[in-house]
C-alpha atoms as a PDB file:
ATOM      1  CA  UNK A   1      17.790  -3.330  -5.634  1.00  0.00           C
ATOM      2  CA  UNK A   2      14.865  -4.928  -7.411  1.00  0.00           C
ATOM      3  CA  UNK A   3      11.293  -3.866  -6.829  1.00  0.00           C
ATOM      4  CA  UNK A   4      10.332  -7.264  -5.381  1.00  0.00           C
ATOM      5  CA  UNK A   5      13.133  -7.261  -2.799  1.00  0.00           C
ATOM      6  CA  UNK A   6      12.316  -3.690  -1.799  1.00  0.00           C
ATOM      7  CA  UNK A   7       8.651  -4.654  -1.437  1.00  0.00           C
ATOM      8  CA  UNK A   8       9.453  -7.702   0.722  1.00  0.00           C
ATOM      9  CA  UNK A   9      11.653  -5.584   2.978  1.00  0.00           C
ATOM     10  CA  UNK A  10       8.845  -3.035   3.268  1.00  0.00           C
ATOM     11  CA  UNK A  11       6.311  -5.681   4.313  1.00  0.00           C
ATOM     12  CA  UNK A  12       8.724  -7.151   6.876  1.00  0.00           C
ATOM     13  CA  UNK A  13       9.437  -3.696   8.327  1.00  0.00           C
ATOM     14  CA  UNK A  14       5.720  -2.876   8.493  1.00  0.00           C
ATOM     15  CA  UNK A  15       5.055  -6.217  10.167  1.00  0.00           C
ATOM     16  CA  UNK A  16       7.787  -5.541  12.723  1.00  0.00           C
ATOM     17  CA  UNK A  17       6.348  -2.087  13.333  1.00  0.00           C
ATOM     18  CA  UNK A  18       2.884  -3.558  13.835  1.00  0.00           C
ATOM     19  CA  UNK A  19       4.279  -6.180  16.207  1.00  0.00           C
ATOM     20  CA  UNK A  20       5.928  -3.536  18.405  1.00  0.00           C
ATOM     21  CA  UNK A  21       2.824  -1.334  18.199  1.00  0.00           C
ATOM     22  CA  UNK A  22       0.665  -4.264  19.342  1.00  0.00           C
ATOM     23  CA  UNK A  23       2.971  -4.937  22.287  1.00  0.00           C
ATOM     24  CA  UNK A  24       2.517  -1.349  23.495  1.00  0.00           C
ATOM     25  CA  UNK A  25      -1.218  -1.115  22.738  1.00  0.00           C
ATOM     26  CA  UNK A  26      -2.593  -4.623  23.278  1.00  0.00           C
ATOM     27  CA  UNK A  27      -6.207  -3.868  22.336  1.00  0.00           C
ATOM     28  CA  UNK A  28      -7.566  -6.696  20.214  1.00  0.00           C
ATOM     29  CA  UNK A  29      -9.623  -4.441  17.937  1.00  0.00           C
ATOM     30  CA  UNK A  30      -6.541  -2.346  17.117  1.00  0.00           C
ATOM     31  CA  UNK A  31      -4.618  -5.498  16.249  1.00  0.00           C
ATOM     32  CA  UNK A  32      -7.303  -6.661  13.831  1.00  0.00           C
ATOM     33  CA  UNK A  33      -7.416  -3.310  12.068  1.00  0.00           C
ATOM     34  CA  UNK A  34      -3.642  -3.014  11.725  1.00  0.00           C
ATOM     35  CA  UNK A  35      -2.871  -6.549  10.591  1.00  0.00           C
ATOM     36  CA  UNK A  36      -5.871  -6.606   8.272  1.00  0.00           C
ATOM     37  CA  UNK A  37      -4.764  -3.386   6.613  1.00  0.00           C
ATOM     38  CA  UNK A  38      -1.193  -4.624   6.293  1.00  0.00           C
ATOM     39  CA  UNK A  39      -2.417  -7.743   4.487  1.00  0.00           C
ATOM     40  CA  UNK A  40      -4.769  -5.664   2.313  1.00  0.00           C
ATOM     41  CA  UNK A  41      -2.074  -3.180   1.270  1.00  0.00           C
ATOM     42  CA  UNK A  42       0.402  -5.985   0.618  1.00  0.00           C
ATOM     43  CA  UNK A  43      -1.969  -7.708  -1.792  1.00  0.00           C
ATOM     44  CA  UNK A  44      -3.162  -4.519  -3.516  1.00  0.00           C
ATOM     45  CA  UNK A  45       0.316  -3.096  -4.069  1.00  0.00           C
ATOM     46  CA  UNK A  46       1.803  -6.443  -5.137  1.00  0.00           C
ATOM     47  CA  UNK A  47      -0.889  -6.949  -7.780  1.00  0.00           C
ATOM     48  CA  UNK A  48      -0.712  -3.331  -8.946  1.00  0.00           C
ATOM     49  CA  UNK A  49       3.089  -3.423  -9.102  1.00  0.00           C
ATOM     50  CA  UNK A  50       3.055  -6.589 -11.190  1.00  0.00           C
ATOM     51  CA  UNK A  51       0.454  -5.070 -13.525  1.00  0.00           C
ATOM     52  CA  UNK A  52       2.459  -1.856 -13.920  1.00  0.00           C
ATOM     53  CA  UNK A  53       5.765  -3.649 -14.532  1.00  0.00           C
ATOM     54  CA  UNK A  54       4.125  -5.874 -17.152  1.00  0.00           C
ATOM     55  CA  UNK A  55       3.316  -2.720 -19.139  1.00  0.00           C
ATOM     56  CA  UNK A  56       6.897  -1.497 -18.870  1.00  0.00           C
ATOM     57  CA  UNK A  57       8.141  -3.850 -21.572  1.00  0.00           C
ATOM     58  CA  UNK A  58       7.551  -2.697 -25.095  1.00  0.00           C
ATOM     59  CA  UNK A  59       5.936   0.697 -25.442  1.00  0.00           C
ATOM     60  CA  UNK A  60       6.826   3.384 -22.890  1.00  0.00           C
ATOM     61  CA  UNK A  61       3.363   4.914 -23.151  1.00  0.00           C
ATOM     62  CA  UNK A  62       1.846   1.682 -21.882  1.00  0.00           C
ATOM     63  CA  UNK A  63       3.672   2.063 -18.567  1.00  0.00           C
ATOM     64  CA  UNK A  64       2.224   5.536 -18.057  1.00  0.00           C
ATOM     65  CA  UNK A  65      -1.279   4.353 -18.929  1.00  0.00           C
ATOM     66  CA  UNK A  66      -1.068   1.414 -16.535  1.00  0.00           C
ATOM     67  CA  UNK A  67       0.407   3.519 -13.747  1.00  0.00           C
ATOM     68  CA  UNK A  68      -2.329   6.150 -14.058  1.00  0.00           C
ATOM     69  CA  UNK A  69      -5.067   3.512 -14.326  1.00  0.00           C
ATOM     70  CA  UNK A  70      -3.937   1.610 -11.233  1.00  0.00           C
ATOM     71  CA  UNK A  71      -3.547   4.856  -9.312  1.00  0.00           C
ATOM     72  CA  UNK A  72      -7.110   5.911 -10.164  1.00  0.00           C
ATOM     73  CA  UNK A  73      -8.569   2.476  -9.374  1.00  0.00           C
ATOM     74  CA  UNK A  74      -6.712   2.302  -6.056  1.00  0.00           C
ATOM     75  CA  UNK A  75      -7.824   5.817  -5.111  1.00  0.00           C
ATOM     76  CA  UNK A  76     -11.482   5.008  -5.792  1.00  0.00           C
ATOM     77  CA  UNK A  77     -11.200   1.656  -3.999  1.00  0.00           C
ATOM     78  CA  UNK A  78      -9.477   3.189  -0.980  1.00  0.00           C
ATOM     79  CA  UNK A  79     -12.009   6.026  -0.673  1.00  0.00           C
ATOM     80  CA  UNK A  80     -14.872   3.537  -0.895  1.00  0.00           C
ATOM     81  CA  UNK A  81     -13.354   1.303   1.777  1.00  0.00           C
ATOM     82  CA  UNK A  82     -12.750   4.225   4.129  1.00  0.00           C
ATOM     83  CA  UNK A  83     -16.312   5.484   3.710  1.00  0.00           C
ATOM     84  CA  UNK A  84     -17.947   2.083   4.159  1.00  0.00           C
ATOM     85  CA  UNK A  85     -15.841   1.190   7.188  1.00  0.00           C
ATOM     86  CA  UNK A  86     -16.363   4.603   8.780  1.00  0.00           C
ATOM     87  CA  UNK A  87     -20.130   4.403   8.460  1.00  0.00           C
ATOM     88  CA  UNK A  88     -20.390   0.811   9.645  1.00  0.00           C
ATOM     89  CA  UNK A  89     -17.865   0.989  12.516  1.00  0.00           C
ATOM     90  CA  UNK A  90     -18.203   4.493  13.915  1.00  0.00           C
ATOM     91  CA  UNK A  91     -16.349   3.670  17.139  1.00  0.00           C
ATOM     92  CA  UNK A  92     -13.219   2.493  15.264  1.00  0.00           C
ATOM     93  CA  UNK A  93     -13.361   4.975  12.357  1.00  0.00           C
ATOM     94  CA  UNK A  94     -10.586   7.294  13.535  1.00  0.00           C
ATOM     95  CA  UNK A  95      -8.246   4.405  14.351  1.00  0.00           C
ATOM     96  CA  UNK A  96      -8.945   2.815  10.977  1.00  0.00           C
ATOM     97  CA  UNK A  97      -8.338   6.043   9.077  1.00  0.00           C
ATOM     98  CA  UNK A  98      -5.061   6.714  10.894  1.00  0.00           C
ATOM     99  CA  UNK A  99      -3.806   3.171  10.208  1.00  0.00           C
ATOM    100  CA  UNK A 100      -4.976   3.460   6.610  1.00  0.00           C
ATOM    101  CA  UNK A 101      -3.217   6.805   6.087  1.00  0.00           C
ATOM    102  CA  UNK A 102       0.062   5.520   7.537  1.00  0.00           C
ATOM    103  CA  UNK A 103       0.056   2.386   5.380  1.00  0.00           C
ATOM    104  CA  UNK A 104      -1.004   4.367   2.300  1.00  0.00           C
ATOM    105  CA  UNK A 105       1.845   6.841   2.763  1.00  0.00           C
ATOM    106  CA  UNK A 106       4.470   4.160   3.409  1.00  0.00           C
ATOM    107  CA  UNK A 107       3.455   1.871   0.534  1.00  0.00           C
ATOM    108  CA  UNK A 108       2.979   4.724  -1.949  1.00  0.00           C
ATOM    109  CA  UNK A 109       6.289   6.375  -1.055  1.00  0.00           C
ATOM    110  CA  UNK A 110       8.090   3.063  -1.498  1.00  0.00           C
ATOM    111  CA  UNK A 111       6.390   2.390  -4.820  1.00  0.00           C
ATOM    112  CA  UNK A 112       7.166   5.844  -6.202  1.00  0.00           C
ATOM    113  CA  UNK A 113      10.794   5.717  -5.048  1.00  0.00           C
ATOM    114  CA  UNK A 114      11.214   2.267  -6.619  1.00  0.00           C
ATOM    115  CA  UNK A 115       9.862   3.428  -9.974  1.00  0.00           C
ATOM    116  CA  UNK A 116      11.820   6.685  -9.801  1.00  0.00           C
ATOM    117  CA  UNK A 117      15.100   4.905  -9.137  1.00  0.00           C
ATOM    118  CA  UNK A 118      14.328   2.404 -11.860  1.00  0.00           C
ATOM    119  CA  UNK A 119      13.720   5.012 -14.533  1.00  0.00           C
ATOM    120  CA  UNK A 120      16.217   7.642 -13.414  1.00  0.00           C
ATOM    121  CA  UNK A 121      19.028   5.111 -13.898  1.00  0.00           C
ATOM    122  CA  UNK A 122      17.877   4.441 -17.488  1.00  0.00           C
ATOM    123  CA  UNK A 123      17.980   8.110 -18.524  1.00  0.00           C
END
């Protein structure tokens, strides 16, 4: 299965999960946090995935460099966002961090499994 199809399925599943979560916990502020983070992670991981796959063609070392660079940039960006949001919205900080951690784990696990399956089949 291609990386793009796997990514689209992931976003649809996360959206369905958020929909059912919102039906059980209909607080408006929770809905904004969850849907906003889903959109944010979708954009960040789509752009990073395209950047990483563009480095896959040609030199194998370029893929590793791009993967490590995007991982470092995402980590710094994510830590900055968590800190800024936590200091500016103290009442929603725990909810934001929990949503953030769940989306981070799901998107990262999917990305790593997609790249692992892609390269393990080539070896």
